[in-house]
Structure formats: C-alpha cells, structure tokens
C-alpha cells in the first residue's frame, strides 16, 4: 500500500490555495481516491462548512490526490 496526500483547491477562500485535507492509502492514487471518496467529501464539507445543498461535483472540481509525477483529479471519477 502507498500513502497519498489529498488536496482541495478552494478559489473562494482567501487567499485561494490548495489545502491539505488528509492522507489515504491504496495501490494506486486513483484506487485510493475511489475507495475513500465519500469520506474525503464529507471531511471537506466539515472543514469548509459546506452544507448538503452544495453539489458534490463542485467538490470534485477542486479535489486532487498528489502522486509522483502530478495530480489525480476527482473529476476523472465522477
């Protein structure tokens, strides 16, 4: 198993930035993201005070997993 860092980009926070959310484990970054997507989305909702009326797809737009050689976007899973 490999450990990957989960990042969330928020352009609405000041200053706009990538925020470190958590670490997740998986064989590949894509697998780790897929396996932990629901818990990550819930954690982002808690951290940024996003209610259930805020669409998941908007969270996916800013959700990334850092891997060697780049980022994996949650948009590829949605």
PDB file of N, CA and C in Angstrom:
ATOM      1  N   UNK A   1       0.835  -1.192   0.000  1.00  0.00           N
ATOM      2  CA  UNK A   1       0.000   0.000   0.000  1.00  0.00           C
ATOM      3  C   UNK A   1       0.877   1.253   0.000  1.00  0.00           C
ATOM      4  N   UNK A   2       0.391   2.249  -0.697  1.00  0.00           N
ATOM      5  CA  UNK A   2       1.083   3.537  -0.763  1.00  0.00           C
ATOM      6  C   UNK A   2       0.224   4.593  -0.082  1.00  0.00           C
ATOM      7  N   UNK A   3       0.877   5.602   0.449  1.00  0.00           N
ATOM      8  CA  UNK A   3       0.187   6.709   1.097  1.00  0.00           C
ATOM      9  C   UNK A   3       0.188   7.911   0.155  1.00  0.00           C
ATOM     10  N   UNK A   4      -0.993   8.510  -0.031  1.00  0.00           N
ATOM     11  CA  UNK A   4      -1.143   9.663  -0.912  1.00  0.00           C
ATOM     12  C   UNK A   4      -1.767  10.816  -0.135  1.00  0.00           C
ATOM     13  N   UNK A   5      -1.368  12.028  -0.472  1.00  0.00           N
ATOM     14  CA  UNK A   5      -1.944  13.214   0.156  1.00  0.00           C
ATOM     15  C   UNK A   5      -3.123  13.713  -0.668  1.00  0.00           C
ATOM     16  N   UNK A   6      -4.196  14.102   0.036  1.00  0.00           N
ATOM     17  CA  UNK A   6      -5.400  14.624  -0.593  1.00  0.00           C
ATOM     18  C   UNK A   6      -5.367  16.143  -0.471  1.00  0.00           C
ATOM     19  N   UNK A   7      -5.541  16.828  -1.604  1.00  0.00           N
ATOM     20  CA  UNK A   7      -5.541  18.288  -1.643  1.00  0.00           C
ATOM     21  C   UNK A   7      -6.891  18.785  -2.136  1.00  0.00           C
ATOM     22  N   UNK A   8      -7.290  19.938  -1.628  1.00  0.00           N
ATOM     23  CA  UNK A   8      -8.518  20.570  -2.096  1.00  0.00           C
ATOM     24  C   UNK A   8      -8.198  22.005  -2.462  1.00  0.00           C
ATOM     25  N   UNK A   9      -8.503  22.374  -3.701  1.00  0.00           N
ATOM     26  CA  UNK A   9      -8.282  23.745  -4.146  1.00  0.00           C
ATOM     27  C   UNK A   9      -9.562  24.536  -3.938  1.00  0.00           C
ATOM     28  N   UNK A  10      -9.449  25.607  -3.187  1.00  0.00           N
ATOM     29  CA  UNK A  10     -10.585  26.491  -2.986  1.00  0.00           C
ATOM     30  C   UNK A  10     -10.221  27.879  -3.469  1.00  0.00           C
ATOM     31  N   UNK A  11     -10.887  28.286  -4.529  1.00  0.00           N
ATOM     32  CA  UNK A  11     -10.686  29.631  -5.055  1.00  0.00           C
ATOM     33  C   UNK A  11     -11.539  30.651  -4.333  1.00  0.00           C
ATOM     34  N   UNK A  12     -12.442  30.180  -3.461  1.00  0.00           N
ATOM     35  CA  UNK A  12     -13.336  31.077  -2.749  1.00  0.00           C
ATOM     36  C   UNK A  12     -12.786  31.492  -1.395  1.00  0.00           C
ATOM     37  N   UNK A  13     -11.802  30.754  -0.881  1.00  0.00           N
ATOM     38  CA  UNK A  13     -11.159  31.123   0.384  1.00  0.00           C
ATOM     39  C   UNK A  13     -10.142  32.216   0.101  1.00  0.00           C
ATOM     40  N   UNK A  14      -9.795  32.959   1.123  1.00  0.00           N
ATOM     41  CA  UNK A  14      -8.774  33.986   0.961  1.00  0.00           C
ATOM     42  C   UNK A  14      -7.573  33.650   1.810  1.00  0.00           C
ATOM     43  N   UNK A  15      -6.429  33.476   1.239  1.00  0.00           N
ATOM     44  CA  UNK A  15      -6.166  33.506  -0.195  1.00  0.00           C
ATOM     45  C   UNK A  15      -6.547  32.172  -0.840  1.00  0.00           C
ATOM     46  N   UNK A  16      -6.861  32.207  -2.144  1.00  0.00           N
ATOM     47  CA  UNK A  16      -7.127  30.953  -2.852  1.00  0.00           C
ATOM     48  C   UNK A  16      -5.892  30.055  -2.768  1.00  0.00           C
ATOM     49  N   UNK A  17      -6.099  28.791  -2.475  1.00  0.00           N
ATOM     50  CA  UNK A  17      -4.946  27.915  -2.270  1.00  0.00           C
ATOM     51  C   UNK A  17      -5.368  26.453  -2.327  1.00  0.00           C
ATOM     52  N   UNK A  18      -4.347  25.590  -2.378  1.00  0.00           N
ATOM     53  CA  UNK A  18      -4.546  24.161  -2.200  1.00  0.00           C
ATOM     54  C   UNK A  18      -4.413  23.882  -0.707  1.00  0.00           C
ATOM     55  N   UNK A  19      -5.381  23.176  -0.151  1.00  0.00           N
ATOM     56  CA  UNK A  19      -5.374  22.845   1.259  1.00  0.00           C
ATOM     57  C   UNK A  19      -5.160  21.348   1.428  1.00  0.00           C
ATOM     58  N   UNK A  20      -4.248  20.973   2.312  1.00  0.00           N
ATOM     59  CA  UNK A  20      -4.011  19.572   2.613  1.00  0.00           C
ATOM     60  C   UNK A  20      -5.163  19.069   3.475  1.00  0.00           C
ATOM     61  N   UNK A  21      -5.866  18.042   3.008  1.00  0.00           N
ATOM     62  CA  UNK A  21      -7.054  17.533   3.691  1.00  0.00           C
ATOM     63  C   UNK A  21      -6.748  16.289   4.514  1.00  0.00           C
ATOM     64  N   UNK A  22      -6.026  15.336   3.929  1.00  0.00           N
ATOM     65  CA  UNK A  22      -5.824  14.057   4.611  1.00  0.00           C
ATOM     66  C   UNK A  22      -4.805  13.232   3.844  1.00  0.00           C
ATOM     67  N   UNK A  23      -4.497  12.078   4.380  1.00  0.00           N
ATOM     68  CA  UNK A  23      -3.696  11.078   3.691  1.00  0.00           C
ATOM     69  C   UNK A  23      -4.558   9.841   3.486  1.00  0.00           C
ATOM     70  N   UNK A  24      -4.431   9.205   2.339  1.00  0.00           N
ATOM     71  CA  UNK A  24      -5.191   7.992   2.042  1.00  0.00           C
ATOM     72  C   UNK A  24      -4.248   6.936   1.487  1.00  0.00           C
ATOM     73  N   UNK A  25      -4.630   5.676   1.670  1.00  0.00           N
ATOM     74  CA  UNK A  25      -3.789   4.577   1.210  1.00  0.00           C
ATOM     75  C   UNK A  25      -4.457   3.801   0.079  1.00  0.00           C
ATOM     76  N   UNK A  26      -3.618   3.298  -0.813  1.00  0.00           N
ATOM     77  CA  UNK A  26      -4.094   2.464  -1.905  1.00  0.00           C
ATOM     78  C   UNK A  26      -2.920   2.007  -2.744  1.00  0.00           C
ATOM     79  N   UNK A  27      -3.165   1.042  -3.603  1.00  0.00           N
ATOM     80  CA  UNK A  27      -2.110   0.570  -4.508  1.00  0.00           C
ATOM     81  C   UNK A  27      -1.714   1.672  -5.489  1.00  0.00           C
ATOM     82  N   UNK A  28      -2.733   2.342  -6.054  1.00  0.00           N
ATOM     83  CA  UNK A  28      -2.513   3.466  -6.967  1.00  0.00           C
ATOM     84  C   UNK A  28      -3.315   4.648  -6.451  1.00  0.00           C
ATOM     85  N   UNK A  29      -2.932   5.855  -6.857  1.00  0.00           N
ATOM     86  CA  UNK A  29      -3.618   7.066  -6.407  1.00  0.00           C
ATOM     87  C   UNK A  29      -5.091   7.039  -6.793  1.00  0.00           C
ATOM     88  N   UNK A  30      -5.387   6.585  -7.997  1.00  0.00           N
ATOM     89  CA  UNK A  30      -6.771   6.531  -8.465  1.00  0.00           C
ATOM     90  C   UNK A  30      -7.610   5.584  -7.602  1.00  0.00           C
ATOM     91  N   UNK A  31      -7.036   4.445  -7.250  1.00  0.00           N
ATOM     92  CA  UNK A  31      -7.739   3.473  -6.408  1.00  0.00           C
ATOM     93  C   UNK A  31      -7.983   4.034  -5.016  1.00  0.00           C
ATOM     94  N   UNK A  32      -6.980   4.675  -4.454  1.00  0.00           N
ATOM     95  CA  UNK A  32      -7.106   5.260  -3.120  1.00  0.00           C
ATOM     96  C   UNK A  32      -8.207   6.319  -3.115  1.00  0.00           C
ATOM     97  N   UNK A  33      -8.230   7.157  -4.133  1.00  0.00           N
ATOM     98  CA  UNK A  33      -9.244   8.198  -4.219  1.00  0.00           C
ATOM     99  C   UNK A  33     -10.635   7.582  -4.363  1.00  0.00           C
ATOM    100  N   UNK A  34     -10.776   6.613  -5.221  1.00  0.00           N
ATOM    101  CA  UNK A  34     -12.063   5.956  -5.427  1.00  0.00           C
ATOM    102  C   UNK A  34     -12.550   5.295  -4.128  1.00  0.00           C
ATOM    103  N   UNK A  35     -11.647   4.628  -3.422  1.00  0.00           N
ATOM    104  CA  UNK A  35     -12.013   3.902  -2.198  1.00  0.00           C
ATOM    105  C   UNK A  35     -12.383   4.829  -1.036  1.00  0.00           C
ATOM    106  N   UNK A  36     -11.849   6.041  -1.031  1.00  0.00           N
ATOM    107  CA  UNK A  36     -12.044   6.958   0.100  1.00  0.00           C
ATOM    108  C   UNK A  36     -12.826   8.212  -0.273  1.00  0.00           C
ATOM    109  N   UNK A  37     -13.406   8.233  -1.460  1.00  0.00           N
ATOM    110  CA  UNK A  37     -14.041   9.451  -1.969  1.00  0.00           C
ATOM    111  C   UNK A  37     -15.134   9.987  -1.047  1.00  0.00           C
ATOM    112  N   UNK A  38     -16.012   9.136  -0.585  1.00  0.00           N
ATOM    113  CA  UNK A  38     -17.131   9.598   0.241  1.00  0.00           C
ATOM    114  C   UNK A  38     -16.642  10.223   1.548  1.00  0.00           C
ATOM    115  N   UNK A  39     -15.689   9.575   2.210  1.00  0.00           N
ATOM    116  CA  UNK A  39     -15.188  10.127   3.471  1.00  0.00           C
ATOM    117  C   UNK A  39     -14.417  11.428   3.245  1.00  0.00           C
ATOM    118  N   UNK A  40     -13.718  11.537   2.130  1.00  0.00           N
ATOM    119  CA  UNK A  40     -12.989  12.774   1.825  1.00  0.00           C
ATOM    120  C   UNK A  40     -13.971  13.915   1.574  1.00  0.00           C
ATOM    121  N   UNK A  41     -15.003  13.644   0.794  1.00  0.00           N
ATOM    122  CA  UNK A  41     -16.011  14.672   0.509  1.00  0.00           C
ATOM    123  C   UNK A  41     -16.652  15.143   1.811  1.00  0.00           C
ATOM    124  N   UNK A  42     -16.969  14.217   2.704  1.00  0.00           N
ATOM    125  CA  UNK A  42     -17.558  14.585   3.993  1.00  0.00           C
ATOM    126  C   UNK A  42     -16.597  15.432   4.824  1.00  0.00           C
ATOM    127  N   UNK A  43     -15.332  15.090   4.799  1.00  0.00           N
ATOM    128  CA  UNK A  43     -14.335  15.851   5.554  1.00  0.00           C
ATOM    129  C   UNK A  43     -14.205  17.274   4.996  1.00  0.00           C
ATOM    130  N   UNK A  44     -14.220  17.414   3.677  1.00  0.00           N
ATOM    131  CA  UNK A  44     -14.152  18.743   3.050  1.00  0.00           C
ATOM    132  C   UNK A  44     -15.387  19.555   3.423  1.00  0.00           C
ATOM    133  N   UNK A  45     -16.538  18.929   3.415  1.00  0.00           N
ATOM    134  CA  UNK A  45     -17.773  19.618   3.826  1.00  0.00           C
ATOM    135  C   UNK A  45     -17.641  20.162   5.246  1.00  0.00           C
ATOM    136  N   UNK A  46     -17.078  19.357   6.155  1.00  0.00           N
ATOM    137  CA  UNK A  46     -16.903  19.781   7.547  1.00  0.00           C
ATOM    138  C   UNK A  46     -15.894  20.918   7.665  1.00  0.00           C
ATOM    139  N   UNK A  47     -14.755  20.767   7.024  1.00  0.00           N
ATOM    140  CA  UNK A  47     -13.681  21.761   7.131  1.00  0.00           C
ATOM    141  C   UNK A  47     -14.124  23.120   6.607  1.00  0.00           C
ATOM    142  N   UNK A  48     -14.817  23.136   5.471  1.00  0.00           N
ATOM    143  CA  UNK A  48     -15.188  24.393   4.819  1.00  0.00           C
ATOM    144  C   UNK A  48     -16.634  24.816   5.089  1.00  0.00           C
ATOM    145  N   UNK A  49     -17.336  24.065   5.935  1.00  0.00           N
ATOM    146  CA  UNK A  49     -18.705  24.423   6.294  1.00  0.00           C
ATOM    147  C   UNK A  49     -19.674  24.374   5.126  1.00  0.00           C
ATOM    148  N   UNK A  50     -19.508  23.369   4.268  1.00  0.00           N
ATOM    149  CA  UNK A  50     -20.372  23.219   3.095  1.00  0.00           C
ATOM    150  C   UNK A  50     -21.543  22.311   3.440  1.00  0.00           C
ATOM    151  N   UNK A  51     -22.738  22.790   3.240  1.00  0.00           N
ATOM    152  CA  UNK A  51     -23.936  22.008   3.533  1.00  0.00           C
ATOM    153  C   UNK A  51     -24.225  20.979   2.468  1.00  0.00           C
ATOM    154  N   UNK A  52     -25.248  20.174   2.734  1.00  0.00           N
ATOM    155  CA  UNK A  52     -25.647  19.126   1.784  1.00  0.00           C
ATOM    156  C   UNK A  52     -26.160  19.693   0.469  1.00  0.00           C
ATOM    157  N   UNK A  53     -26.568  20.967   0.479  1.00  0.00           N
ATOM    158  CA  UNK A  53     -27.069  21.581  -0.750  1.00  0.00           C
ATOM    159  C   UNK A  53     -25.933  21.972  -1.700  1.00  0.00           C
ATOM    160  N   UNK A  54     -24.692  21.964  -1.215  1.00  0.00           N
ATOM    161  CA  UNK A  54     -23.529  22.245  -2.068  1.00  0.00           C
ATOM    162  C   UNK A  54     -23.234  20.977  -2.868  1.00  0.00           C
ATOM    163  N   UNK A  55     -23.259  21.060  -4.207  1.00  0.00           N
ATOM    164  CA  UNK A  55     -23.129  19.855  -5.047  1.00  0.00           C
ATOM    165  C   UNK A  55     -21.771  19.153  -4.922  1.00  0.00           C
ATOM    166  N   UNK A  56     -21.819  17.821  -4.866  1.00  0.00           N
ATOM    167  CA  UNK A  56     -20.582  17.030  -4.830  1.00  0.00           C
ATOM    168  C   UNK A  56     -19.678  17.356  -6.010  1.00  0.00           C
ATOM    169  N   UNK A  57     -20.270  17.569  -7.188  1.00  0.00           N
ATOM    170  CA  UNK A  57     -19.453  17.817  -8.388  1.00  0.00           C
ATOM    171  C   UNK A  57     -18.564  19.045  -8.225  1.00  0.00           C
ATOM    172  N   UNK A  58     -19.027  20.034  -7.464  1.00  0.00           N
ATOM    173  CA  UNK A  58     -18.192  21.218  -7.221  1.00  0.00           C
ATOM    174  C   UNK A  58     -17.020  20.873  -6.313  1.00  0.00           C
ATOM    175  N   UNK A  59     -17.241  19.953  -5.391  1.00  0.00           N
ATOM    176  CA  UNK A  59     -16.135  19.484  -4.547  1.00  0.00           C
ATOM    177  C   UNK A  59     -15.157  18.690  -5.401  1.00  0.00           C
ATOM    178  N   UNK A  60     -15.679  17.819  -6.269  1.00  0.00           N
ATOM    179  CA  UNK A  60     -14.809  17.033  -7.158  1.00  0.00           C
ATOM    180  C   UNK A  60     -13.923  17.940  -8.012  1.00  0.00           C
ATOM    181  N   UNK A  61     -14.449  19.091  -8.419  1.00  0.00           N
ATOM    182  CA  UNK A  61     -13.680  20.021  -9.263  1.00  0.00           C
ATOM    183  C   UNK A  61     -12.401  20.498  -8.587  1.00  0.00           C
ATOM    184  N   UNK A  62     -12.405  20.566  -7.260  1.00  0.00           N
ATOM    185  CA  UNK A  62     -11.229  21.053  -6.545  1.00  0.00           C
ATOM    186  C   UNK A  62     -10.471  19.981  -5.794  1.00  0.00           C
ATOM    187  N   UNK A  63     -10.858  18.721  -5.962  1.00  0.00           N
ATOM    188  CA  UNK A  63     -10.287  17.616  -5.197  1.00  0.00           C
ATOM    189  C   UNK A  63      -9.212  16.886  -5.996  1.00  0.00           C
ATOM    190  N   UNK A  64      -8.040  16.750  -5.386  1.00  0.00           N
ATOM    191  CA  UNK A  64      -6.898  16.111  -6.053  1.00  0.00           C
ATOM    192  C   UNK A  64      -6.160  15.193  -5.092  1.00  0.00           C
ATOM    193  N   UNK A  65      -5.496  14.199  -5.667  1.00  0.00           N
ATOM    194  CA  UNK A  65      -4.576  13.357  -4.917  1.00  0.00           C
ATOM    195  C   UNK A  65      -3.200  13.556  -5.524  1.00  0.00           C
ATOM    196  N   UNK A  66      -2.237  13.817  -4.657  1.00  0.00           N
ATOM    197  CA  UNK A  66      -0.861  14.043  -5.087  1.00  0.00           C
ATOM    198  C   UNK A  66      -0.165  12.699  -5.259  1.00  0.00           C
ATOM    199  N   UNK A  67       0.394  12.496  -6.427  1.00  0.00           N
ATOM    200  CA  UNK A  67       1.174  11.285  -6.686  1.00  0.00           C
ATOM    201  C   UNK A  67       2.475  11.693  -7.362  1.00  0.00           C
ATOM    202  N   UNK A  68       3.390  10.776  -7.418  1.00  0.00           N
ATOM    203  CA  UNK A  68       4.649  11.053  -8.082  1.00  0.00           C
ATOM    204  C   UNK A  68       4.369  11.401  -9.539  1.00  0.00           C
ATOM    205  N   UNK A  69       4.824  12.543  -9.972  1.00  0.00           N
ATOM    206  CA  UNK A  69       4.635  12.959 -11.353  1.00  0.00           C
ATOM    207  C   UNK A  69       3.409  13.809 -11.590  1.00  0.00           C
ATOM    208  N   UNK A  70       2.630  14.141 -10.556  1.00  0.00           N
ATOM    209  CA  UNK A  70       1.493  15.014 -10.800  1.00  0.00           C
ATOM    210  C   UNK A  70       0.327  14.803  -9.854  1.00  0.00           C
ATOM    211  N   UNK A  71      -0.821  15.283 -10.311  1.00  0.00           N
ATOM    212  CA  UNK A  71      -2.047  15.221  -9.526  1.00  0.00           C
ATOM    213  C   UNK A  71      -3.084  14.347 -10.219  1.00  0.00           C
ATOM    214  N   UNK A  72      -3.907  13.679  -9.437  1.00  0.00           N
ATOM    215  CA  UNK A  72      -5.055  12.930  -9.945  1.00  0.00           C
ATOM    216  C   UNK A  72      -6.288  13.710  -9.530  1.00  0.00           C
ATOM    217  N   UNK A  73      -7.138  14.051 -10.485  1.00  0.00           N
ATOM    218  CA  UNK A  73      -8.331  14.809 -10.212  1.00  0.00           C
ATOM    219  C   UNK A  73      -9.527  13.898  -9.945  1.00  0.00           C
ATOM    220  N   UNK A  74     -10.362  14.294  -8.983  1.00  0.00           N
ATOM    221  CA  UNK A  74     -11.586  13.535  -8.703  1.00  0.00           C
ATOM    222  C   UNK A  74     -12.565  13.645  -9.859  1.00  0.00           C
ATOM    223  N   UNK A  75     -12.418  14.653 -10.702  1.00  0.00           N
ATOM    224  CA  UNK A  75     -13.310  14.792 -11.869  1.00  0.00           C
ATOM    225  C   UNK A  75     -13.246  13.579 -12.776  1.00  0.00           C
ATOM    226  N   UNK A  76     -12.119  12.895 -12.790  1.00  0.00           N
ATOM    227  CA  UNK A  76     -11.977  11.714 -13.635  1.00  0.00           C
ATOM    228  C   UNK A  76     -12.810  10.549 -13.119  1.00  0.00           C
ATOM    229  N   UNK A  77     -13.215  10.600 -11.854  1.00  0.00           N
ATOM    230  CA  UNK A  77     -14.012   9.525 -11.253  1.00  0.00           C
ATOM    231  C   UNK A  77     -15.502   9.802 -11.335  1.00  0.00           C
ATOM    232  N   UNK A  78     -15.859  11.066 -11.505  1.00  0.00           N
ATOM    233  CA  UNK A  78     -17.294  11.458 -11.477  1.00  0.00           C
ATOM    234  C   UNK A  78     -17.959  11.209 -12.807  1.00  0.00           C
TER     235      UNK A  78
END
